[in-house]
Amino acid sequence: MTSEQATASGLSQYRPGSGIVSYGLSVFALMPLVLDLAATLFFSYDRLAPDLAKSSLIKQKGSANQYGGGIGLNYTFILIN
């Protein structure tokens, strides 16, 4: 981010190095309901790498711990030529 962008955002300027961004774990489950229909569930947890977690954006407005999750409904169909 440039100094102008940092000033406009209200955050201090930060230039991270290169390397790993985050590390974590994801879990996915699929439960068949009927013949072609299934329910899905997923959850993920990521921890931002120390270099990235030191940024002003994360310190002031975020968290080094990142969570995600969702549910879905899957329908399987076969195209016949």
PDB file of N, CA and C in Angstrom:
ATOM      1  N   MET A   1       0.844  -1.153   0.000  1.00  0.00           N
ATOM      2  CA  MET A   1       0.000   0.000   0.000  1.00  0.00           C
ATOM      3  C   MET A   1       0.897   1.226   0.000  1.00  0.00           C
ATOM      4  N   THR A   2       0.506   2.229  -0.742  1.00  0.00           N
ATOM      5  CA  THR A   2       1.274   3.472  -0.804  1.00  0.00           C
ATOM      6  C   THR A   2       0.972   4.310   0.441  1.00  0.00           C
ATOM      7  N   SER A   3       1.777   5.329   0.678  1.00  0.00           N
ATOM      8  CA  SER A   3       1.539   6.191   1.843  1.00  0.00           C
ATOM      9  C   SER A   3       0.217   6.948   1.697  1.00  0.00           C
ATOM     10  N   GLU A   4      -0.149   7.301   0.444  1.00  0.00           N
ATOM     11  CA  GLU A   4      -1.425   7.979   0.214  1.00  0.00           C
ATOM     12  C   GLU A   4      -2.603   7.059   0.554  1.00  0.00           C
ATOM     13  N   GLN A   5      -2.497   5.800   0.152  1.00  0.00           N
ATOM     14  CA  GLN A   5      -3.557   4.834   0.451  1.00  0.00           C
ATOM     15  C   GLN A   5      -3.653   4.602   1.960  1.00  0.00           C
ATOM     16  N   ALA A   6      -2.513   4.512   2.616  1.00  0.00           N
ATOM     17  CA  ALA A   6      -2.500   4.308   4.066  1.00  0.00           C
ATOM     18  C   ALA A   6      -3.170   5.484   4.771  1.00  0.00           C
ATOM     19  N   THR A   7      -2.843   6.695   4.365  1.00  0.00           N
ATOM     20  CA  THR A   7      -3.433   7.890   4.963  1.00  0.00           C
ATOM     21  C   THR A   7      -4.947   7.907   4.748  1.00  0.00           C
ATOM     22  N   ALA A   8      -5.387   7.595   3.545  1.00  0.00           N
ATOM     23  CA  ALA A   8      -6.820   7.595   3.233  1.00  0.00           C
ATOM     24  C   ALA A   8      -7.583   6.534   4.033  1.00  0.00           C
ATOM     25  N   SER A   9      -6.941   5.409   4.310  1.00  0.00           N
ATOM     26  CA  SER A   9      -7.610   4.325   5.025  1.00  0.00           C
ATOM     27  C   SER A   9      -7.571   4.501   6.536  1.00  0.00           C
ATOM     28  N   GLY A  10      -6.678   5.347   7.020  1.00  0.00           N
ATOM     29  CA  GLY A  10      -6.529   5.514   8.461  1.00  0.00           C
ATOM     30  C   GLY A  10      -5.629   4.471   9.090  1.00  0.00           C
ATOM     31  N   LEU A  11      -4.981   3.652   8.273  1.00  0.00           N
ATOM     32  CA  LEU A  11      -4.081   2.613   8.759  1.00  0.00           C
ATOM     33  C   LEU A  11      -2.639   3.017   8.483  1.00  0.00           C
ATOM     34  N   SER A  12      -1.714   2.467   9.254  1.00  0.00           N
ATOM     35  CA  SER A  12      -0.310   2.746   8.985  1.00  0.00           C
ATOM     36  C   SER A  12       0.164   1.895   7.809  1.00  0.00           C
ATOM     37  N   GLN A  13       1.169   2.386   7.125  1.00  0.00           N
ATOM     38  CA  GLN A  13       1.700   1.674   5.958  1.00  0.00           C
ATOM     39  C   GLN A  13       2.430   0.420   6.428  1.00  0.00           C
ATOM     40  N   TYR A  14       2.250  -0.669   5.698  1.00  0.00           N
ATOM     41  CA  TYR A  14       2.871  -1.944   6.059  1.00  0.00           C
ATOM     42  C   TYR A  14       3.263  -2.684   4.794  1.00  0.00           C
ATOM     43  N   ARG A  15       4.474  -3.193   4.766  1.00  0.00           N
ATOM     44  CA  ARG A  15       4.962  -3.972   3.620  1.00  0.00           C
ATOM     45  C   ARG A  15       5.451  -5.336   4.121  1.00  0.00           C
ATOM     46  N   PRO A  16       4.610  -6.360   3.985  1.00  0.00           N
ATOM     47  CA  PRO A  16       5.020  -7.696   4.438  1.00  0.00           C
ATOM     48  C   PRO A  16       6.058  -8.297   3.502  1.00  0.00           C
ATOM     49  N   GLY A  17       6.795  -9.239   4.020  1.00  0.00           N
ATOM     50  CA  GLY A  17       7.750  -9.976   3.202  1.00  0.00           C
ATOM     51  C   GLY A  17       7.036 -11.090   2.448  1.00  0.00           C
ATOM     52  N   SER A  18       7.805 -11.929   1.813  1.00  0.00           N
ATOM     53  CA  SER A  18       7.214 -13.048   1.080  1.00  0.00           C
ATOM     54  C   SER A  18       7.229 -14.294   1.949  1.00  0.00           C
ATOM     55  N   GLY A  19       6.455 -15.283   1.540  1.00  0.00           N
ATOM     56  CA  GLY A  19       6.432 -16.544   2.278  1.00  0.00           C
ATOM     57  C   GLY A  19       5.029 -17.058   2.463  1.00  0.00           C
ATOM     58  N   ILE A  20       4.854 -17.872   3.462  1.00  0.00           N
ATOM     59  CA  ILE A  20       3.570 -18.503   3.756  1.00  0.00           C
ATOM     60  C   ILE A  20       2.589 -17.444   4.253  1.00  0.00           C
ATOM     61  N   VAL A  21       1.379 -17.472   3.743  1.00  0.00           N
ATOM     62  CA  VAL A  21       0.343 -16.512   4.126  1.00  0.00           C
ATOM     63  C   VAL A  21      -0.436 -17.013   5.342  1.00  0.00           C
ATOM     64  N   SER A  22      -0.810 -18.291   5.330  1.00  0.00           N
ATOM     65  CA  SER A  22      -1.569 -18.850   6.442  1.00  0.00           C
ATOM     66  C   SER A  22      -1.431 -20.368   6.443  1.00  0.00           C
ATOM     67  N   TYR A  23      -1.871 -20.957   7.529  1.00  0.00           N
ATOM     68  CA  TYR A  23      -1.908 -22.415   7.631  1.00  0.00           C
ATOM     69  C   TYR A  23      -3.177 -22.764   8.400  1.00  0.00           C
ATOM     70  N   GLY A  24      -3.741 -23.932   8.114  1.00  0.00           N
ATOM     71  CA  GLY A  24      -4.992 -24.257   8.777  1.00  0.00           C
ATOM     72  C   GLY A  24      -5.488 -25.656   8.515  1.00  0.00           C
ATOM     73  N   LEU A  25      -6.766 -25.832   8.774  1.00  0.00           N
ATOM     74  CA  LEU A  25      -7.413 -27.136   8.690  1.00  0.00           C
ATOM     75  C   LEU A  25      -8.820 -26.950   8.141  1.00  0.00           C
ATOM     76  N   SER A  26      -9.225 -27.847   7.261  1.00  0.00           N
ATOM     77  CA  SER A  26     -10.585 -27.829   6.710  1.00  0.00           C
ATOM     78  C   SER A  26     -11.219 -29.203   6.879  1.00  0.00           C
ATOM     79  N   VAL A  27     -12.507 -29.202   7.152  1.00  0.00           N
ATOM     80  CA  VAL A  27     -13.268 -30.440   7.307  1.00  0.00           C
ATOM     81  C   VAL A  27     -14.484 -30.352   6.388  1.00  0.00           C
ATOM     82  N   PHE A  28     -14.771 -31.431   5.676  1.00  0.00           N
ATOM     83  CA  PHE A  28     -15.879 -31.485   4.740  1.00  0.00           C
ATOM     84  C   PHE A  28     -16.649 -32.781   4.976  1.00  0.00           C
ATOM     85  N   ALA A  29     -17.968 -32.692   5.030  1.00  0.00           N
ATOM     86  CA  ALA A  29     -18.795 -33.885   5.209  1.00  0.00           C
ATOM     87  C   ALA A  29     -19.896 -33.905   4.147  1.00  0.00           C
ATOM     88  N   LEU A  30     -20.185 -35.084   3.639  1.00  0.00           N
ATOM     89  CA  LEU A  30     -21.226 -35.287   2.639  1.00  0.00           C
ATOM     90  C   LEU A  30     -22.157 -36.373   3.162  1.00  0.00           C
ATOM     91  N   MET A  31     -23.454 -36.062   3.215  1.00  0.00           N
ATOM     92  CA  MET A  31     -24.429 -37.032   3.717  1.00  0.00           C
ATOM     93  C   MET A  31     -25.495 -37.272   2.657  1.00  0.00           C
ATOM     94  N   PRO A  32     -25.530 -38.476   2.086  1.00  0.00           N
ATOM     95  CA  PRO A  32     -26.566 -38.782   1.092  1.00  0.00           C
ATOM     96  C   PRO A  32     -27.952 -38.717   1.740  1.00  0.00           C
ATOM     97  N   LEU A  33     -28.898 -38.107   1.036  1.00  0.00           N
ATOM     98  CA  LEU A  33     -30.268 -38.011   1.543  1.00  0.00           C
ATOM     99  C   LEU A  33     -31.196 -38.969   0.805  1.00  0.00           C
ATOM    100  N   VAL A  34     -31.275 -38.840  -0.509  1.00  0.00           N
ATOM    101  CA  VAL A  34     -32.037 -39.749  -1.363  1.00  0.00           C
ATOM    102  C   VAL A  34     -31.173 -40.061  -2.570  1.00  0.00           C
ATOM    103  N   LEU A  35     -31.702 -40.763  -3.530  1.00  0.00           N
ATOM    104  CA  LEU A  35     -30.942 -41.270  -4.671  1.00  0.00           C
ATOM    105  C   LEU A  35     -29.921 -40.288  -5.255  1.00  0.00           C
ATOM    106  N   ASP A  36     -30.325 -39.110  -5.681  1.00  0.00           N
ATOM    107  CA  ASP A  36     -29.421 -38.161  -6.333  1.00  0.00           C
ATOM    108  C   ASP A  36     -29.193 -36.885  -5.532  1.00  0.00           C
ATOM    109  N   LEU A  37     -29.578 -36.863  -4.277  1.00  0.00           N
ATOM    110  CA  LEU A  37     -29.510 -35.661  -3.464  1.00  0.00           C
ATOM    111  C   LEU A  37     -28.657 -35.909  -2.220  1.00  0.00           C
ATOM    112  N   ALA A  38     -27.808 -34.937  -1.881  1.00  0.00           N
ATOM    113  CA  ALA A  38     -26.952 -35.067  -0.703  1.00  0.00           C
ATOM    114  C   ALA A  38     -26.807 -33.708  -0.021  1.00  0.00           C
ATOM    115  N   ALA A  39     -26.589 -33.728   1.278  1.00  0.00           N
ATOM    116  CA  ALA A  39     -26.327 -32.513   2.045  1.00  0.00           C
ATOM    117  C   ALA A  39     -24.822 -32.446   2.300  1.00  0.00           C
ATOM    118  N   THR A  40     -24.274 -31.232   2.255  1.00  0.00           N
ATOM    119  CA  THR A  40     -22.847 -31.038   2.524  1.00  0.00           C
ATOM    120  C   THR A  40     -22.675 -30.032   3.649  1.00  0.00           C
ATOM    121  N   LEU A  41     -21.591 -30.186   4.365  1.00  0.00           N
ATOM    122  CA  LEU A  41     -21.244 -29.300   5.461  1.00  0.00           C
ATOM    123  C   LEU A  41     -19.734 -29.132   5.453  1.00  0.00           C
ATOM    124  N   PHE A  42     -19.247 -27.884   5.610  1.00  0.00           N
ATOM    125  CA  PHE A  42     -17.805 -27.707   5.708  1.00  0.00           C
ATOM    126  C   PHE A  42     -17.464 -26.642   6.740  1.00  0.00           C
ATOM    127  N   PHE A  43     -16.273 -26.761   7.290  1.00  0.00           N
ATOM    128  CA  PHE A  43     -15.744 -25.812   8.248  1.00  0.00           C
ATOM    129  C   PHE A  43     -14.254 -25.687   8.005  1.00  0.00           C
ATOM    130  N   SER A  44     -13.738 -24.479   8.130  1.00  0.00           N
ATOM    131  CA  SER A  44     -12.297 -24.288   7.978  1.00  0.00           C
ATOM    132  C   SER A  44     -11.781 -23.290   9.010  1.00  0.00           C
ATOM    133  N   TYR A  45     -10.547 -23.488   9.412  1.00  0.00           N
ATOM    134  CA  TYR A  45      -9.853 -22.587  10.324  1.00  0.00           C
ATOM    135  C   TYR A  45      -8.477 -22.317   9.734  1.00  0.00           C
ATOM    136  N   ASP A  46      -8.110 -21.056   9.667  1.00  0.00           N
ATOM    137  CA  ASP A  46      -6.781 -20.669   9.209  1.00  0.00           C
ATOM    138  C   ASP A  46      -6.190 -19.689  10.200  1.00  0.00           C
ATOM    139  N   ARG A  47      -4.908 -19.786  10.399  1.00  0.00           N
ATOM    140  CA  ARG A  47      -4.159 -18.846  11.232  1.00  0.00           C
ATOM    141  C   ARG A  47      -3.205 -18.105  10.302  1.00  0.00           C
ATOM    142  N   LEU A  48      -3.287 -16.771  10.296  1.00  0.00           N
ATOM    143  CA  LEU A  48      -2.397 -15.997   9.447  1.00  0.00           C
ATOM    144  C   LEU A  48      -0.967 -16.140   9.943  1.00  0.00           C
ATOM    145  N   ALA A  49      -0.038 -16.197   9.010  1.00  0.00           N
ATOM    146  CA  ALA A  49       1.377 -16.304   9.355  1.00  0.00           C
ATOM    147  C   ALA A  49       1.793 -15.065  10.147  1.00  0.00           C
ATOM    148  N   PRO A  50       2.781 -15.196  11.034  1.00  0.00           N
ATOM    149  CA  PRO A  50       3.181 -14.076  11.893  1.00  0.00           C
ATOM    150  C   PRO A  50       3.501 -12.784  11.138  1.00  0.00           C
ATOM    151  N   ASP A  51       4.172 -12.878   9.990  1.00  0.00           N
ATOM    152  CA  ASP A  51       4.523 -11.669   9.249  1.00  0.00           C
ATOM    153  C   ASP A  51       3.281 -10.927   8.771  1.00  0.00           C
ATOM    154  N   LEU A  52       2.285 -11.653   8.312  1.00  0.00           N
ATOM    155  CA  LEU A  52       1.046 -11.042   7.842  1.00  0.00           C
ATOM    156  C   LEU A  52       0.179 -10.560   9.004  1.00  0.00           C
ATOM    157  N   ALA A  53       0.175 -11.300  10.108  1.00  0.00           N
ATOM    158  CA  ALA A  53      -0.645 -10.936  11.266  1.00  0.00           C
ATOM    159  C   ALA A  53      -0.176  -9.635  11.914  1.00  0.00           C
ATOM    160  N   LYS A  54       1.039  -9.195  11.628  1.00  0.00           N
ATOM    161  CA  LYS A  54       1.576  -7.946  12.191  1.00  0.00           C
ATOM    162  C   LYS A  54       1.084  -6.704  11.453  1.00  0.00           C
ATOM    163  N   SER A  55       0.376  -6.874  10.348  1.00  0.00           N
ATOM    164  CA  SER A  55      -0.059  -5.716   9.562  1.00  0.00           C
ATOM    165  C   SER A  55      -1.042  -4.870  10.360  1.00  0.00           C
ATOM    166  N   SER A  56      -1.081  -3.575  10.066  1.00  0.00           N
ATOM    167  CA  SER A  56      -1.978  -2.664  10.773  1.00  0.00           C
ATOM    168  C   SER A  56      -3.439  -3.019  10.528  1.00  0.00           C
ATOM    169  N   LEU A  57      -3.767  -3.507   9.358  1.00  0.00           N
ATOM    170  CA  LEU A  57      -5.145  -3.895   9.053  1.00  0.00           C
ATOM    171  C   LEU A  57      -5.607  -5.010   9.988  1.00  0.00           C
ATOM    172  N   ILE A  58      -4.790  -6.025  10.155  1.00  0.00           N
ATOM    173  CA  ILE A  58      -5.155  -7.156  11.018  1.00  0.00           C
ATOM    174  C   ILE A  58      -5.157  -6.730  12.481  1.00  0.00           C
ATOM    175  N   LYS A  59      -4.152  -5.967  12.918  1.00  0.00           N
ATOM    176  CA  LYS A  59      -4.078  -5.544  14.317  1.00  0.00           C
ATOM    177  C   LYS A  59      -5.249  -4.648  14.716  1.00  0.00           C
ATOM    178  N   GLN A  60      -5.639  -3.714  13.836  1.00  0.00           N
ATOM    179  CA  GLN A  60      -6.665  -2.734  14.193  1.00  0.00           C
ATOM    180  C   GLN A  60      -8.084  -3.173  13.859  1.00  0.00           C
ATOM    181  N   LYS A  61      -8.263  -3.934  12.783  1.00  0.00           N
ATOM    182  CA  LYS A  61      -9.624  -4.227  12.326  1.00  0.00           C
ATOM    183  C   LYS A  61      -9.908  -5.696  12.076  1.00  0.00           C
ATOM    184  N   GLY A  62      -8.953  -6.567  12.357  1.00  0.00           N
ATOM    185  CA  GLY A  62      -9.166  -7.967  12.026  1.00  0.00           C
ATOM    186  C   GLY A  62      -8.693  -8.902  13.111  1.00  0.00           C
ATOM    187  N   SER A  63      -8.381 -10.106  12.698  1.00  0.00           N
ATOM    188  CA  SER A  63      -7.907 -11.137  13.611  1.00  0.00           C
ATOM    189  C   SER A  63      -6.977 -12.076  12.853  1.00  0.00           C
ATOM    190  N   ALA A  64      -5.979 -12.576  13.527  1.00  0.00           N
ATOM    191  CA  ALA A  64      -5.075 -13.548  12.920  1.00  0.00           C
ATOM    192  C   ALA A  64      -5.765 -14.897  12.747  1.00  0.00           C
ATOM    193  N   ASN A  65      -6.870 -15.102  13.452  1.00  0.00           N
ATOM    194  CA  ASN A  65      -7.654 -16.335  13.333  1.00  0.00           C
ATOM    195  C   ASN A  65      -8.768 -16.106  12.323  1.00  0.00           C
ATOM    196  N   GLN A  66      -8.835 -16.957  11.319  1.00  0.00           N
ATOM    197  CA  GLN A  66      -9.824 -16.830  10.256  1.00  0.00           C
ATOM    198  C   GLN A  66     -10.673 -18.101  10.210  1.00  0.00           C
ATOM    199  N   TYR A  67     -11.999 -17.931  10.248  1.00  0.00           N
ATOM    200  CA  TYR A  67     -12.925 -19.063  10.238  1.00  0.00           C
ATOM    201  C   TYR A  67     -13.833 -18.996   9.018  1.00  0.00           C
ATOM    202  N   GLY A  68     -14.264 -20.136   8.564  1.00  0.00           N
ATOM    203  CA  GLY A  68     -15.214 -20.199   7.468  1.00  0.00           C
ATOM    204  C   GLY A  68     -16.066 -21.447   7.606  1.00  0.00           C
ATOM    205  N   GLY A  69     -17.210 -21.428   6.974  1.00  0.00           N
ATOM    206  CA  GLY A  69     -18.068 -22.598   7.047  1.00  0.00           C
ATOM    207  C   GLY A  69     -19.270 -22.437   6.139  1.00  0.00           C
ATOM    208  N   GLY A  70     -19.952 -23.530   5.931  1.00  0.00           N
ATOM    209  CA  GLY A  70     -21.133 -23.454   5.101  1.00  0.00           C
ATOM    210  C   GLY A  70     -21.858 -24.786   5.013  1.00  0.00           C
ATOM    211  N   ILE A  71     -23.062 -24.704   4.471  1.00  0.00           N
ATOM    212  CA  ILE A  71     -23.864 -25.893   4.225  1.00  0.00           C
ATOM    213  C   ILE A  71     -24.344 -25.819   2.785  1.00  0.00           C
ATOM    214  N   GLY A  72     -24.661 -26.960   2.240  1.00  0.00           N
ATOM    215  CA  GLY A  72     -25.124 -26.977   0.864  1.00  0.00           C
ATOM    216  C   GLY A  72     -25.980 -28.188   0.571  1.00  0.00           C
ATOM    217  N   LEU A  73     -26.613 -28.138  -0.572  1.00  0.00           N
ATOM    218  CA  LEU A  73     -27.436 -29.232  -1.050  1.00  0.00           C
ATOM    219  C   LEU A  73     -26.940 -29.578  -2.446  1.00  0.00           C
ATOM    220  N   ASN A  74     -26.569 -30.803  -2.677  1.00  0.00           N
ATOM    221  CA  ASN A  74     -26.025 -31.242  -3.964  1.00  0.00           C
ATOM    222  C   ASN A  74     -27.000 -32.159  -4.672  1.00  0.00           C
ATOM    223  N   TYR A  75     -27.162 -31.917  -5.960  1.00  0.00           N
ATOM    224  CA  TYR A  75     -27.978 -32.791  -6.792  1.00  0.00           C
ATOM    225  C   TYR A  75     -27.094 -33.296  -7.923  1.00  0.00           C
ATOM    226  N   THR A  76     -27.086 -34.602  -8.111  1.00  0.00           N
ATOM    227  CA  THR A  76     -26.273 -35.214  -9.170  1.00  0.00           C
ATOM    228  C   THR A  76     -27.163 -35.609 -10.335  1.00  0.00           C
ATOM    229  N   PHE A  77     -26.756 -35.226 -11.544  1.00  0.00           N
ATOM    230  CA  PHE A  77     -27.502 -35.615 -12.733  1.00  0.00           C
ATOM    231  C   PHE A  77     -26.532 -36.062 -13.806  1.00  0.00           C
ATOM    232  N   ILE A  78     -27.022 -36.876 -14.719  1.00  0.00           N
ATOM    233  CA  ILE A  78     -26.194 -37.434 -15.788  1.00  0.00           C
ATOM    234  C   ILE A  78     -26.759 -36.933 -17.128  1.00  0.00           C
ATOM    235  N   LEU A  79     -25.868 -36.369 -17.936  1.00  0.00           N
ATOM    236  CA  LEU A  79     -26.265 -35.964 -19.267  1.00  0.00           C
ATOM    237  C   LEU A  79     -26.142 -37.139 -20.212  1.00  0.00           C
ATOM    238  N   ILE A  80     -27.199 -37.422 -20.950  1.00  0.00           N
ATOM    239  CA  ILE A  80     -27.192 -38.548 -21.888  1.00  0.00           C
ATOM    240  C   ILE A  80     -27.184 -37.980 -23.301  1.00  0.00           C
ATOM    241  N   ASN A  81     -26.227 -38.445 -24.120  1.00  0.00           N
ATOM    242  CA  ASN A  81     -26.144 -37.970 -25.513  1.00  0.00           C
ATOM    243  C   ASN A  81     -27.101 -38.734 -26.384  1.00  0.00           C
TER     244      ASN A  81
END
